[in-house]
Amino acid sequence: MIYTCGTIRNVGSRPKDTGIMGTRKKLGEILVDLKVLQPSDVERVLHALDRRFDRQKFGEVARNMGLVSEEHILAGLAVQMQLFRGIETWTLEQILNRLAASGGSTESAIAQTPTGLRRKP
């Protein structure tokens, strides 16, 4: 795993997730951009994920390691899903404030997002 120029390049055994949305930023990249994690923290989490036999998510392992809070994970996921228009340019504080103003839950935030901006499941 190498972090360069704002992106993380996978050099390990974990497959790249292209999923339905094609190429999108990984949660670890977003949390680095939001200054929640350092690139070395992302590498630690990825190494821990590689050692696990069960299928845990990046955010769950990072939280269990004490590197992030639930709020950090929700903010990162909101950016990943582009929950609000222009969210990729917001600070962590702005994202958390907007999520709190939306009722404190992602379901509430999604319900307030115009239909045309929502990602299809």
PDB file of N, CA and C in Angstrom:
ATOM      1  N   MET A   1       0.851  -1.170   0.000  1.00  0.00           N
ATOM      2  CA  MET A   1       0.000   0.000   0.000  1.00  0.00           C
ATOM      3  C   MET A   1       0.897   1.233   0.000  1.00  0.00           C
ATOM      4  N   ILE A   2       0.699   2.096  -0.976  1.00  0.00           N
ATOM      5  CA  ILE A   2       1.498   3.305  -1.081  1.00  0.00           C
ATOM      6  C   ILE A   2       0.550   4.490  -1.204  1.00  0.00           C
ATOM      7  N   TYR A   3       0.808   5.540  -0.441  1.00  0.00           N
ATOM      8  CA  TYR A   3      -0.005   6.747  -0.496  1.00  0.00           C
ATOM      9  C   TYR A   3       0.795   7.812  -1.232  1.00  0.00           C
ATOM     10  N   THR A   4       0.276   8.265  -2.362  1.00  0.00           N
ATOM     11  CA  THR A   4       0.956   9.306  -3.129  1.00  0.00           C
ATOM     12  C   THR A   4      -0.058  10.266  -3.712  1.00  0.00           C
ATOM     13  N   CYS A   5       0.255  11.543  -3.655  1.00  0.00           N
ATOM     14  CA  CYS A   5      -0.549  12.589  -4.310  1.00  0.00           C
ATOM     15  C   CYS A   5      -2.041  12.466  -4.031  1.00  0.00           C
ATOM     16  N   GLY A   6      -2.413  12.193  -2.804  1.00  0.00           N
ATOM     17  CA  GLY A   6      -3.823  12.163  -2.440  1.00  0.00           C
ATOM     18  C   GLY A   6      -4.545  10.879  -2.784  1.00  0.00           C
ATOM     19  N   THR A   7      -3.818   9.878  -3.279  1.00  0.00           N
ATOM     20  CA  THR A   7      -4.464   8.604  -3.577  1.00  0.00           C
ATOM     21  C   THR A   7      -3.673   7.474  -2.953  1.00  0.00           C
ATOM     22  N   ILE A   8      -4.368   6.401  -2.698  1.00  0.00           N
ATOM     23  CA  ILE A   8      -3.717   5.220  -2.160  1.00  0.00           C
ATOM     24  C   ILE A   8      -3.697   4.181  -3.262  1.00  0.00           C
ATOM     25  N   ARG A   9      -2.514   3.675  -3.545  1.00  0.00           N
ATOM     26  CA  ARG A   9      -2.370   2.657  -4.576  1.00  0.00           C
ATOM     27  C   ARG A   9      -2.169   1.325  -3.890  1.00  0.00           C
ATOM     28  N   ASN A  10      -2.961   0.356  -4.269  1.00  0.00           N
ATOM     29  CA  ASN A  10      -2.920  -0.955  -3.642  1.00  0.00           C
ATOM     30  C   ASN A  10      -1.800  -1.785  -4.242  1.00  0.00           C
ATOM     31  N   VAL A  11      -0.830  -2.183  -3.416  1.00  0.00           N
ATOM     32  CA  VAL A  11       0.241  -3.053  -3.886  1.00  0.00           C
ATOM     33  C   VAL A  11       0.194  -4.398  -3.178  1.00  0.00           C
ATOM     34  N   GLY A  12      -0.805  -4.604  -2.343  1.00  0.00           N
ATOM     35  CA  GLY A  12      -0.951  -5.852  -1.592  1.00  0.00           C
ATOM     36  C   GLY A  12      -1.895  -6.809  -2.284  1.00  0.00           C
ATOM     37  N   SER A  13      -2.449  -7.710  -1.493  1.00  0.00           N
ATOM     38  CA  SER A  13      -3.295  -8.763  -2.032  1.00  0.00           C
ATOM     39  C   SER A  13      -4.772  -8.390  -2.098  1.00  0.00           C
ATOM     40  N   ARG A  14      -5.166  -7.248  -1.537  1.00  0.00           N
ATOM     41  CA  ARG A  14      -6.582  -6.881  -1.522  1.00  0.00           C
ATOM     42  C   ARG A  14      -7.020  -6.408  -2.905  1.00  0.00           C
ATOM     43  N   PRO A  15      -8.137  -6.922  -3.411  1.00  0.00           N
ATOM     44  CA  PRO A  15      -8.608  -6.510  -4.736  1.00  0.00           C
ATOM     45  C   PRO A  15      -9.148  -5.090  -4.721  1.00  0.00           C
ATOM     46  N   LYS A  16      -9.019  -4.411  -5.851  1.00  0.00           N
ATOM     47  CA  LYS A  16      -9.551  -3.062  -5.979  1.00  0.00           C
ATOM     48  C   LYS A  16     -11.057  -3.145  -6.139  1.00  0.00           C
ATOM     49  N   ASP A  17     -11.791  -2.331  -5.372  1.00  0.00           N
ATOM     50  CA  ASP A  17     -13.253  -2.326  -5.412  1.00  0.00           C
ATOM     51  C   ASP A  17     -13.709  -1.350  -6.475  1.00  0.00           C
ATOM     52  N   THR A  18     -14.211  -1.868  -7.595  1.00  0.00           N
ATOM     53  CA  THR A  18     -14.763  -0.983  -8.607  1.00  0.00           C
ATOM     54  C   THR A  18     -16.264  -0.925  -8.483  1.00  0.00           C
ATOM     55  N   GLY A  19     -16.886  -1.962  -7.989  1.00  0.00           N
ATOM     56  CA  GLY A  19     -18.304  -1.974  -7.659  1.00  0.00           C
ATOM     57  C   GLY A  19     -19.202  -1.364  -8.713  1.00  0.00           C
ATOM     58  N   ILE A  20     -20.388  -0.998  -8.308  1.00  0.00           N
ATOM     59  CA  ILE A  20     -21.394  -0.435  -9.196  1.00  0.00           C
ATOM     60  C   ILE A  20     -21.000   0.964  -9.640  1.00  0.00           C
ATOM     61  N   MET A  21     -20.371   1.712  -8.745  1.00  0.00           N
ATOM     62  CA  MET A  21     -20.086   3.114  -9.015  1.00  0.00           C
ATOM     63  C   MET A  21     -18.786   3.311  -9.784  1.00  0.00           C
ATOM     64  N   GLY A  22     -18.139   2.235 -10.250  1.00  0.00           N
ATOM     65  CA  GLY A  22     -16.868   2.383 -10.945  1.00  0.00           C
ATOM     66  C   GLY A  22     -15.780   2.751  -9.964  1.00  0.00           C
ATOM     67  N   THR A  23     -14.922   3.655 -10.350  1.00  0.00           N
ATOM     68  CA  THR A  23     -13.846   4.046  -9.455  1.00  0.00           C
ATOM     69  C   THR A  23     -14.348   5.136  -8.520  1.00  0.00           C
ATOM     70  N   ARG A  24     -14.167   4.914  -7.244  1.00  0.00           N
ATOM     71  CA  ARG A  24     -14.528   5.896  -6.237  1.00  0.00           C
ATOM     72  C   ARG A  24     -13.468   5.849  -5.163  1.00  0.00           C
ATOM     73  N   LYS A  25     -13.365   6.922  -4.415  1.00  0.00           N
ATOM     74  CA  LYS A  25     -12.370   6.961  -3.351  1.00  0.00           C
ATOM     75  C   LYS A  25     -12.707   5.955  -2.271  1.00  0.00           C
ATOM     76  N   LYS A  26     -11.683   5.328  -1.763  1.00  0.00           N
ATOM     77  CA  LYS A  26     -11.843   4.405  -0.644  1.00  0.00           C
ATOM     78  C   LYS A  26     -12.013   5.224   0.636  1.00  0.00           C
ATOM     79  N   LEU A  27     -12.632   4.592   1.635  1.00  0.00           N
ATOM     80  CA  LEU A  27     -12.871   5.269   2.904  1.00  0.00           C
ATOM     81  C   LEU A  27     -11.560   5.748   3.527  1.00  0.00           C
ATOM     82  N   GLY A  28     -10.534   4.939   3.460  1.00  0.00           N
ATOM     83  CA  GLY A  28      -9.233   5.339   4.016  1.00  0.00           C
ATOM     84  C   GLY A  28      -8.690   6.594   3.365  1.00  0.00           C
ATOM     85  N   GLU A  29      -8.805   6.701   2.044  1.00  0.00           N
ATOM     86  CA  GLU A  29      -8.354   7.893   1.320  1.00  0.00           C
ATOM     87  C   GLU A  29      -9.121   9.125   1.781  1.00  0.00           C
ATOM     88  N   ILE A  30     -10.422   8.955   1.928  1.00  0.00           N
ATOM     89  CA  ILE A  30     -11.271  10.076   2.340  1.00  0.00           C
ATOM     90  C   ILE A  30     -10.900  10.524   3.751  1.00  0.00           C
ATOM     91  N   LEU A  31     -10.678   9.571   4.653  1.00  0.00           N
ATOM     92  CA  LEU A  31     -10.326   9.925   6.027  1.00  0.00           C
ATOM     93  C   LEU A  31      -8.957  10.594   6.103  1.00  0.00           C
ATOM     94  N   VAL A  32      -8.051  10.254   5.196  1.00  0.00           N
ATOM     95  CA  VAL A  32      -6.765  10.969   5.110  1.00  0.00           C
ATOM     96  C   VAL A  32      -7.016  12.387   4.616  1.00  0.00           C
ATOM     97  N   ASP A  33      -7.836  12.531   3.573  1.00  0.00           N
ATOM     98  CA  ASP A  33      -8.161  13.865   3.046  1.00  0.00           C
ATOM     99  C   ASP A  33      -8.806  14.746   4.111  1.00  0.00           C
ATOM    100  N   LEU A  34      -9.633  14.138   4.980  1.00  0.00           N
ATOM    101  CA  LEU A  34     -10.297  14.884   6.051  1.00  0.00           C
ATOM    102  C   LEU A  34      -9.387  15.097   7.260  1.00  0.00           C
ATOM    103  N   LYS A  35      -8.163  14.596   7.168  1.00  0.00           N
ATOM    104  CA  LYS A  35      -7.150  14.732   8.236  1.00  0.00           C
ATOM    105  C   LYS A  35      -7.539  13.994   9.517  1.00  0.00           C
ATOM    106  N   VAL A  36      -8.314  12.926   9.345  1.00  0.00           N
ATOM    107  CA  VAL A  36      -8.677  12.065  10.470  1.00  0.00           C
ATOM    108  C   VAL A  36      -7.597  11.011  10.667  1.00  0.00           C
ATOM    109  N   LEU A  37      -7.086  10.486   9.564  1.00  0.00           N
ATOM    110  CA  LEU A  37      -6.046   9.461   9.590  1.00  0.00           C
ATOM    111  C   LEU A  37      -4.806   9.930   8.843  1.00  0.00           C
ATOM    112  N   GLN A  38      -3.693   9.342   9.200  1.00  0.00           N
ATOM    113  CA  GLN A  38      -2.449   9.504   8.450  1.00  0.00           C
ATOM    114  C   GLN A  38      -2.339   8.325   7.486  1.00  0.00           C
ATOM    115  N   PRO A  39      -1.602   8.470   6.392  1.00  0.00           N
ATOM    116  CA  PRO A  39      -1.419   7.333   5.482  1.00  0.00           C
ATOM    117  C   PRO A  39      -0.881   6.082   6.190  1.00  0.00           C
ATOM    118  N   SER A  40      -0.034   6.265   7.183  1.00  0.00           N
ATOM    119  CA  SER A  40       0.495   5.105   7.919  1.00  0.00           C
ATOM    120  C   SER A  40      -0.615   4.399   8.709  1.00  0.00           C
ATOM    121  N   ASP A  41      -1.610   5.156   9.184  1.00  0.00           N
ATOM    122  CA  ASP A  41      -2.750   4.552   9.874  1.00  0.00           C
ATOM    123  C   ASP A  41      -3.557   3.685   8.910  1.00  0.00           C
ATOM    124  N   VAL A  42      -3.746   4.180   7.689  1.00  0.00           N
ATOM    125  CA  VAL A  42      -4.482   3.418   6.670  1.00  0.00           C
ATOM    126  C   VAL A  42      -3.758   2.108   6.407  1.00  0.00           C
ATOM    127  N   GLU A  43      -2.447   2.173   6.291  1.00  0.00           N
ATOM    128  CA  GLU A  43      -1.667   0.951   6.066  1.00  0.00           C
ATOM    129  C   GLU A  43      -1.823  -0.027   7.219  1.00  0.00           C
ATOM    130  N   ARG A  44      -1.822   0.477   8.454  1.00  0.00           N
ATOM    131  CA  ARG A  44      -2.008  -0.393   9.622  1.00  0.00           C
ATOM    132  C   ARG A  44      -3.348  -1.110   9.569  1.00  0.00           C
ATOM    133  N   VAL A  45      -4.396  -0.364   9.226  1.00  0.00           N
ATOM    134  CA  VAL A  45      -5.729  -0.959   9.138  1.00  0.00           C
ATOM    135  C   VAL A  45      -5.770  -2.000   8.023  1.00  0.00           C
ATOM    136  N   LEU A  46      -5.203  -1.677   6.869  1.00  0.00           N
ATOM    137  CA  LEU A  46      -5.208  -2.624   5.751  1.00  0.00           C
ATOM    138  C   LEU A  46      -4.438  -3.900   6.083  1.00  0.00           C
ATOM    139  N   HIS A  47      -3.323  -3.755   6.801  1.00  0.00           N
ATOM    140  CA  HIS A  47      -2.579  -4.954   7.230  1.00  0.00           C
ATOM    141  C   HIS A  47      -3.414  -5.781   8.199  1.00  0.00           C
ATOM    142  N   ALA A  48      -4.132  -5.113   9.106  1.00  0.00           N
ATOM    143  CA  ALA A  48      -5.007  -5.829  10.040  1.00  0.00           C
ATOM    144  C   ALA A  48      -6.132  -6.543   9.285  1.00  0.00           C
ATOM    145  N   LEU A  49      -6.673  -5.900   8.258  1.00  0.00           N
ATOM    146  CA  LEU A  49      -7.721  -6.523   7.447  1.00  0.00           C
ATOM    147  C   LEU A  49      -7.194  -7.760   6.720  1.00  0.00           C
ATOM    148  N   ASP A  50      -5.982  -7.672   6.218  1.00  0.00           N
ATOM    149  CA  ASP A  50      -5.386  -8.812   5.503  1.00  0.00           C
ATOM    150  C   ASP A  50      -5.165 -10.009   6.419  1.00  0.00           C
ATOM    151  N   ARG A  51      -4.946  -9.750   7.699  1.00  0.00           N
ATOM    152  CA  ARG A  51      -4.697 -10.841   8.659  1.00  0.00           C
ATOM    153  C   ARG A  51      -5.986 -11.479   9.170  1.00  0.00           C
ATOM    154  N   ARG A  52      -7.111 -10.844   8.914  1.00  0.00           N
ATOM    155  CA  ARG A  52      -8.386 -11.339   9.436  1.00  0.00           C
ATOM    156  C   ARG A  52      -8.959 -12.409   8.517  1.00  0.00           C
ATOM    157  N   PHE A  53      -9.668 -13.349   9.107  1.00  0.00           N
ATOM    158  CA  PHE A  53     -10.317 -14.402   8.340  1.00  0.00           C
ATOM    159  C   PHE A  53     -11.766 -14.050   8.023  1.00  0.00           C
ATOM    160  N   ASP A  54     -12.370 -13.178   8.846  1.00  0.00           N
ATOM    161  CA  ASP A  54     -13.743 -12.763   8.573  1.00  0.00           C
ATOM    162  C   ASP A  54     -13.725 -11.541   7.658  1.00  0.00           C
ATOM    163  N   ARG A  55     -14.856 -11.124   7.232  1.00  0.00           N
ATOM    164  CA  ARG A  55     -14.982 -10.047   6.240  1.00  0.00           C
ATOM    165  C   ARG A  55     -15.406  -8.754   6.921  1.00  0.00           C
ATOM    166  N   GLN A  56     -14.507  -8.137   7.686  1.00  0.00           N
ATOM    167  CA  GLN A  56     -14.831  -6.867   8.331  1.00  0.00           C
ATOM    168  C   GLN A  56     -14.548  -5.713   7.384  1.00  0.00           C
ATOM    169  N   LYS A  57     -15.225  -4.620   7.612  1.00  0.00           N
ATOM    170  CA  LYS A  57     -15.063  -3.419   6.803  1.00  0.00           C
ATOM    171  C   LYS A  57     -13.938  -2.555   7.367  1.00  0.00           C
ATOM    172  N   PHE A  58     -13.376  -1.709   6.503  1.00  0.00           N
ATOM    173  CA  PHE A  58     -12.272  -0.830   6.884  1.00  0.00           C
ATOM    174  C   PHE A  58     -12.641   0.010   8.107  1.00  0.00           C
ATOM    175  N   GLY A  59     -13.803   0.663   8.072  1.00  0.00           N
ATOM    176  CA  GLY A  59     -14.208   1.535   9.171  1.00  0.00           C
ATOM    177  C   GLY A  59     -14.365   0.804  10.486  1.00  0.00           C
ATOM    178  N   GLU A  60     -14.882  -0.409  10.421  1.00  0.00           N
ATOM    179  CA  GLU A  60     -15.069  -1.208  11.636  1.00  0.00           C
ATOM    180  C   GLU A  60     -13.729  -1.555  12.276  1.00  0.00           C
ATOM    181  N   VAL A  61     -12.769  -1.947  11.454  1.00  0.00           N
ATOM    182  CA  VAL A  61     -11.440  -2.289  11.981  1.00  0.00           C
ATOM    183  C   VAL A  61     -10.744  -1.043  12.510  1.00  0.00           C
ATOM    184  N   ALA A  62     -10.828   0.066  11.774  1.00  0.00           N
ATOM    185  CA  ALA A  62     -10.198   1.317  12.220  1.00  0.00           C
ATOM    186  C   ALA A  62     -10.785   1.774  13.554  1.00  0.00           C
ATOM    187  N   ARG A  63     -12.113   1.628  13.699  1.00  0.00           N
ATOM    188  CA  ARG A  63     -12.763   2.003  14.963  1.00  0.00           C
ATOM    189  C   ARG A  63     -12.316   1.083  16.091  1.00  0.00           C
ATOM    190  N   ASN A  64     -12.271  -0.215  15.820  1.00  0.00           N
ATOM    191  CA  ASN A  64     -11.835  -1.169  16.841  1.00  0.00           C
ATOM    192  C   ASN A  64     -10.384  -0.949  17.259  1.00  0.00           C
ATOM    193  N   MET A  65      -9.587  -0.414  16.353  1.00  0.00           N
ATOM    194  CA  MET A  65      -8.187  -0.108  16.669  1.00  0.00           C
ATOM    195  C   MET A  65      -8.054   1.222  17.416  1.00  0.00           C
ATOM    196  N   GLY A  66      -9.172   1.951  17.558  1.00  0.00           N
ATOM    197  CA  GLY A  66      -9.154   3.234  18.263  1.00  0.00           C
ATOM    198  C   GLY A  66      -8.640   4.385  17.420  1.00  0.00           C
ATOM    199  N   LEU A  67      -8.626   4.222  16.103  1.00  0.00           N
ATOM    200  CA  LEU A  67      -8.089   5.261  15.226  1.00  0.00           C
ATOM    201  C   LEU A  67      -9.136   6.278  14.801  1.00  0.00           C
ATOM    202  N   VAL A  68     -10.404   5.867  14.776  1.00  0.00           N
ATOM    203  CA  VAL A  68     -11.486   6.758  14.341  1.00  0.00           C
ATOM    204  C   VAL A  68     -12.699   6.552  15.238  1.00  0.00           C
ATOM    205  N   SER A  69     -13.582   7.525  15.207  1.00  0.00           N
ATOM    206  CA  SER A  69     -14.858   7.412  15.926  1.00  0.00           C
ATOM    207  C   SER A  69     -15.955   7.062  14.929  1.00  0.00           C
ATOM    208  N   GLU A  70     -17.102   6.738  15.449  1.00  0.00           N
ATOM    209  CA  GLU A  70     -18.264   6.455  14.609  1.00  0.00           C
ATOM    210  C   GLU A  70     -18.602   7.664  13.733  1.00  0.00           C
ATOM    211  N   GLU A  71     -18.475   8.874  14.300  1.00  0.00           N
ATOM    212  CA  GLU A  71     -18.767  10.095  13.558  1.00  0.00           C
ATOM    213  C   GLU A  71     -17.816  10.261  12.383  1.00  0.00           C
ATOM    214  N   HIS A  72     -16.537   9.927  12.582  1.00  0.00           N
ATOM    215  CA  HIS A  72     -15.562  10.015  11.491  1.00  0.00           C
ATOM    216  C   HIS A  72     -15.950   9.076  10.350  1.00  0.00           C
ATOM    217  N   ILE A  73     -16.371   7.877  10.710  1.00  0.00           N
ATOM    218  CA  ILE A  73     -16.768   6.897   9.696  1.00  0.00           C
ATOM    219  C   ILE A  73     -17.990   7.409   8.928  1.00  0.00           C
ATOM    220  N   LEU A  74     -18.980   7.932   9.653  1.00  0.00           N
ATOM    221  CA  LEU A  74     -20.177   8.465   8.994  1.00  0.00           C
ATOM    222  C   LEU A  74     -19.834   9.626   8.070  1.00  0.00           C
ATOM    223  N   ALA A  75     -18.935  10.503   8.504  1.00  0.00           N
ATOM    224  CA  ALA A  75     -18.525  11.626   7.652  1.00  0.00           C
ATOM    225  C   ALA A  75     -17.837  11.110   6.393  1.00  0.00           C
ATOM    226  N   GLY A  76     -16.952  10.136   6.555  1.00  0.00           N
ATOM    227  CA  GLY A  76     -16.270   9.559   5.399  1.00  0.00           C
ATOM    228  C   GLY A  76     -17.227   8.884   4.439  1.00  0.00           C
ATOM    229  N   LEU A  77     -18.196   8.161   4.974  1.00  0.00           N
ATOM    230  CA  LEU A  77     -19.183   7.504   4.118  1.00  0.00           C
ATOM    231  C   LEU A  77     -20.076   8.528   3.408  1.00  0.00           C
ATOM    232  N   ALA A  78     -20.383   9.628   4.083  1.00  0.00           N
ATOM    233  CA  ALA A  78     -21.180  10.685   3.454  1.00  0.00           C
ATOM    234  C   ALA A  78     -20.435  11.264   2.252  1.00  0.00           C
ATOM    235  N   VAL A  79     -19.126  11.442   2.398  1.00  0.00           N
ATOM    236  CA  VAL A  79     -18.320  11.926   1.271  1.00  0.00           C
ATOM    237  C   VAL A  79     -18.299  10.876   0.167  1.00  0.00           C
ATOM    238  N   GLN A  80     -18.067   9.621   0.545  1.00  0.00           N
ATOM    239  CA  GLN A  80     -17.991   8.546  -0.436  1.00  0.00           C
ATOM    240  C   GLN A  80     -19.284   8.430  -1.242  1.00  0.00           C
ATOM    241  N   MET A  81     -20.420   8.602  -0.577  1.00  0.00           N
ATOM    242  CA  MET A  81     -21.724   8.506  -1.245  1.00  0.00           C
ATOM    243  C   MET A  81     -22.144   9.822  -1.894  1.00  0.00           C
ATOM    244  N   GLN A  82     -21.341  10.875  -1.709  1.00  0.00           N
ATOM    245  CA  GLN A  82     -21.678  12.220  -2.187  1.00  0.00           C
ATOM    246  C   GLN A  82     -23.084  12.603  -1.728  1.00  0.00           C
ATOM    247  N   LEU A  83     -23.258  12.476  -0.421  1.00  0.00           N
ATOM    248  CA  LEU A  83     -24.571  12.675   0.191  1.00  0.00           C
ATOM    249  C   LEU A  83     -25.122  14.079  -0.013  1.00  0.00           C
ATOM    250  N   PHE A  84     -24.220  15.072  -0.012  1.00  0.00           N
ATOM    251  CA  PHE A  84     -24.616  16.456  -0.221  1.00  0.00           C
ATOM    252  C   PHE A  84     -23.817  17.037  -1.380  1.00  0.00           C
ATOM    253  N   ARG A  85     -24.427  17.922  -2.113  1.00  0.00           N
ATOM    254  CA  ARG A  85     -23.748  18.569  -3.239  1.00  0.00           C
ATOM    255  C   ARG A  85     -22.504  19.315  -2.744  1.00  0.00           C
ATOM    256  N   GLY A  86     -21.361  19.052  -3.362  1.00  0.00           N
ATOM    257  CA  GLY A  86     -20.121  19.741  -3.029  1.00  0.00           C
ATOM    258  C   GLY A  86     -19.425  19.227  -1.781  1.00  0.00           C
ATOM    259  N   ILE A  87     -19.893  18.121  -1.208  1.00  0.00           N
ATOM    260  CA  ILE A  87     -19.360  17.625   0.067  1.00  0.00           C
ATOM    261  C   ILE A  87     -17.869  17.307   0.002  1.00  0.00           C
ATOM    262  N   GLU A  88     -17.384  16.954  -1.191  1.00  0.00           N
ATOM    263  CA  GLU A  88     -15.971  16.577  -1.297  1.00  0.00           C
ATOM    264  C   GLU A  88     -15.028  17.746  -1.006  1.00  0.00           C
ATOM    265  N   THR A  89     -15.553  18.963  -0.969  1.00  0.00           N
ATOM    266  CA  THR A  89     -14.720  20.131  -0.668  1.00  0.00           C
ATOM    267  C   THR A  89     -14.882  20.610   0.773  1.00  0.00           C
ATOM    268  N   TRP A  90     -15.767  19.970   1.539  1.00  0.00           N
ATOM    269  CA  TRP A  90     -16.047  20.406   2.901  1.00  0.00           C
ATOM    270  C   TRP A  90     -14.993  19.895   3.871  1.00  0.00           C
ATOM    271  N   THR A  91     -14.894  20.582   5.013  1.00  0.00           N
ATOM    272  CA  THR A  91     -14.040  20.114   6.103  1.00  0.00           C
ATOM    273  C   THR A  91     -14.806  19.082   6.924  1.00  0.00           C
ATOM    274  N   LEU A  92     -14.086  18.360   7.755  1.00  0.00           N
ATOM    275  CA  LEU A  92     -14.719  17.388   8.644  1.00  0.00           C
ATOM    276  C   LEU A  92     -15.774  18.072   9.504  1.00  0.00           C
ATOM    277  N   GLU A  93     -15.446  19.221  10.046  1.00  0.00           N
ATOM    278  CA  GLU A  93     -16.387  19.943  10.906  1.00  0.00           C
ATOM    279  C   GLU A  93     -17.661  20.316  10.146  1.00  0.00           C
ATOM    280  N   GLN A  94     -17.523  20.765   8.900  1.00  0.00           N
ATOM    281  CA  GLN A  94     -18.693  21.124   8.107  1.00  0.00           C
ATOM    282  C   GLN A  94     -19.575  19.899   7.834  1.00  0.00           C
ATOM    283  N   ILE A  95     -18.944  18.784   7.549  1.00  0.00           N
ATOM    284  CA  ILE A  95     -19.704  17.554   7.281  1.00  0.00           C
ATOM    285  C   ILE A  95     -20.447  17.113   8.530  1.00  0.00           C
ATOM    286  N   LEU A  96     -19.746  17.088   9.669  1.00  0.00           N
ATOM    287  CA  LEU A  96     -20.386  16.661  10.917  1.00  0.00           C
ATOM    288  C   LEU A  96     -21.537  17.593  11.299  1.00  0.00           C
ATOM    289  N   ASN A  97     -21.341  18.898  11.103  1.00  0.00           N
ATOM    290  CA  ASN A  97     -22.415  19.858  11.400  1.00  0.00           C
ATOM    291  C   ASN A  97     -23.618  19.627  10.508  1.00  0.00           C
ATOM    292  N   ARG A  98     -23.390  19.359   9.234  1.00  0.00           N
ATOM    293  CA  ARG A  98     -24.507  19.129   8.305  1.00  0.00           C
ATOM    294  C   ARG A  98     -25.243  17.836   8.644  1.00  0.00           C
ATOM    295  N   LEU A  99     -24.480  16.796   8.998  1.00  0.00           N
ATOM    296  CA  LEU A  99     -25.123  15.546   9.390  1.00  0.00           C
ATOM    297  C   LEU A  99     -25.952  15.729  10.659  1.00  0.00           C
ATOM    298  N   ALA A 100     -25.413  16.495  11.621  1.00  0.00           N
ATOM    299  CA  ALA A 100     -26.147  16.753  12.866  1.00  0.00           C
ATOM    300  C   ALA A 100     -27.411  17.573  12.587  1.00  0.00           C
ATOM    301  N   ALA A 101     -27.305  18.538  11.687  1.00  0.00           N
ATOM    302  CA  ALA A 101     -28.464  19.362  11.336  1.00  0.00           C
ATOM    303  C   ALA A 101     -29.526  18.551  10.605  1.00  0.00           C
ATOM    304  N   SER A 102     -29.110  17.443  10.014  1.00  0.00           N
ATOM    305  CA  SER A 102     -30.035  16.580   9.284  1.00  0.00           C
ATOM    306  C   SER A 102     -30.717  15.580  10.201  1.00  0.00           C
ATOM    307  N   GLY A 103     -30.575  15.769  11.481  1.00  0.00           N
ATOM    308  CA  GLY A 103     -31.220  14.875  12.434  1.00  0.00           C
ATOM    309  C   GLY A 103     -30.267  13.861  13.023  1.00  0.00           C
ATOM    310  N   GLY A 104     -28.987  13.963  12.672  1.00  0.00           N
ATOM    311  CA  GLY A 104     -27.982  13.096  13.269  1.00  0.00           C
ATOM    312  C   GLY A 104     -27.904  11.706  12.688  1.00  0.00           C
ATOM    313  N   SER A 105     -28.694  11.396  11.666  1.00  0.00           N
ATOM    314  CA  SER A 105     -28.597  10.069  11.075  1.00  0.00           C
ATOM    315  C   SER A 105     -28.458  10.184   9.570  1.00  0.00           C
ATOM    316  N   THR A 106     -27.804   9.205   8.986  1.00  0.00           N
ATOM    317  CA  THR A 106     -27.643   9.226   7.538  1.00  0.00           C
ATOM    318  C   THR A 106     -28.977   9.033   6.840  1.00  0.00           C
ATOM    319  N   GLU A 107     -29.901   8.267   7.439  1.00  0.00           N
ATOM    320  CA  GLU A 107     -31.209   8.092   6.812  1.00  0.00           C
ATOM    321  C   GLU A 107     -31.920   9.433   6.707  1.00  0.00           C
ATOM    322  N   SER A 108     -31.830  10.224   7.767  1.00  0.00           N
ATOM    323  CA  SER A 108     -32.456  11.535   7.756  1.00  0.00           C
ATOM    324  C   SER A 108     -31.784  12.433   6.721  1.00  0.00           C
ATOM    325  N   ALA A 109     -30.462  12.362   6.631  1.00  0.00           N
ATOM    326  CA  ALA A 109     -29.731  13.170   5.660  1.00  0.00           C
ATOM    327  C   ALA A 109     -30.096  12.762   4.243  1.00  0.00           C
ATOM    328  N   ILE A 110     -30.206  11.468   3.996  1.00  0.00           N
ATOM    329  CA  ILE A 110     -30.574  10.978   2.667  1.00  0.00           C
ATOM    330  C   ILE A 110     -31.983  11.450   2.312  1.00  0.00           C
ATOM    331  N   ALA A 111     -32.875  11.405   3.286  1.00  0.00           N
ATOM    332  CA  ALA A 111     -34.257  11.822   3.034  1.00  0.00           C
ATOM    333  C   ALA A 111     -34.323  13.296   2.639  1.00  0.00           C
ATOM    334  N   GLN A 112     -33.379  14.113   3.127  1.00  0.00           N
ATOM    335  CA  GLN A 112     -33.388  15.538   2.812  1.00  0.00           C
ATOM    336  C   GLN A 112     -32.620  15.866   1.542  1.00  0.00           C
ATOM    337  N   THR A 113     -31.922  14.900   0.961  1.00  0.00           N
ATOM    338  CA  THR A 113     -31.157  15.107  -0.256  1.00  0.00           C
ATOM    339  C   THR A 113     -32.097  15.039  -1.450  1.00  0.00           C
ATOM    340  N   PRO A 114     -32.031  16.015  -2.358  1.00  0.00           N
ATOM    341  CA  PRO A 114     -32.891  15.971  -3.548  1.00  0.00           C
ATOM    342  C   PRO A 114     -32.713  14.649  -4.293  1.00  0.00           C
ATOM    343  N   THR A 115     -33.813  14.093  -4.780  1.00  0.00           N
ATOM    344  CA  THR A 115     -33.817  12.773  -5.412  1.00  0.00           C
ATOM    345  C   THR A 115     -32.796  12.686  -6.524  1.00  0.00           C
ATOM    346  N   GLY A 116     -32.619  13.705  -7.309  1.00  0.00           N
ATOM    347  CA  GLY A 116     -31.685  13.669  -8.434  1.00  0.00           C
ATOM    348  C   GLY A 116     -30.231  13.544  -8.017  1.00  0.00           C
ATOM    349  N   LEU A 117     -29.927  13.870  -6.767  1.00  0.00           N
ATOM    350  CA  LEU A 117     -28.554  13.800  -6.286  1.00  0.00           C
ATOM    351  C   LEU A 117     -28.239  12.492  -5.595  1.00  0.00           C
ATOM    352  N   ARG A 118     -29.246  11.707  -5.285  1.00  0.00           N
ATOM    353  CA  ARG A 118     -29.033  10.451  -4.561  1.00  0.00           C
ATOM    354  C   ARG A 118     -28.429   9.402  -5.470  1.00  0.00           C
ATOM    355  N   ARG A 119     -27.582   8.588  -4.884  1.00  0.00           N
ATOM    356  CA  ARG A 119     -27.033   7.430  -5.592  1.00  0.00           C
ATOM    357  C   ARG A 119     -28.051   6.314  -5.525  1.00  0.00           C
ATOM    358  N   LYS A 120     -28.144   5.546  -6.591  1.00  0.00           N
ATOM    359  CA  LYS A 120     -29.039   4.399  -6.573  1.00  0.00           C
ATOM    360  C   LYS A 120     -28.375   3.259  -5.842  1.00  0.00           C
ATOM    361  N   PRO A 121     -29.150   2.517  -5.001  1.00  0.00           N
ATOM    362  CA  PRO A 121     -28.564   1.411  -4.238  1.00  0.00           C
ATOM    363  C   PRO A 121     -28.112   0.279  -5.135  1.00  0.00           C
TER     364      PRO A 121
END
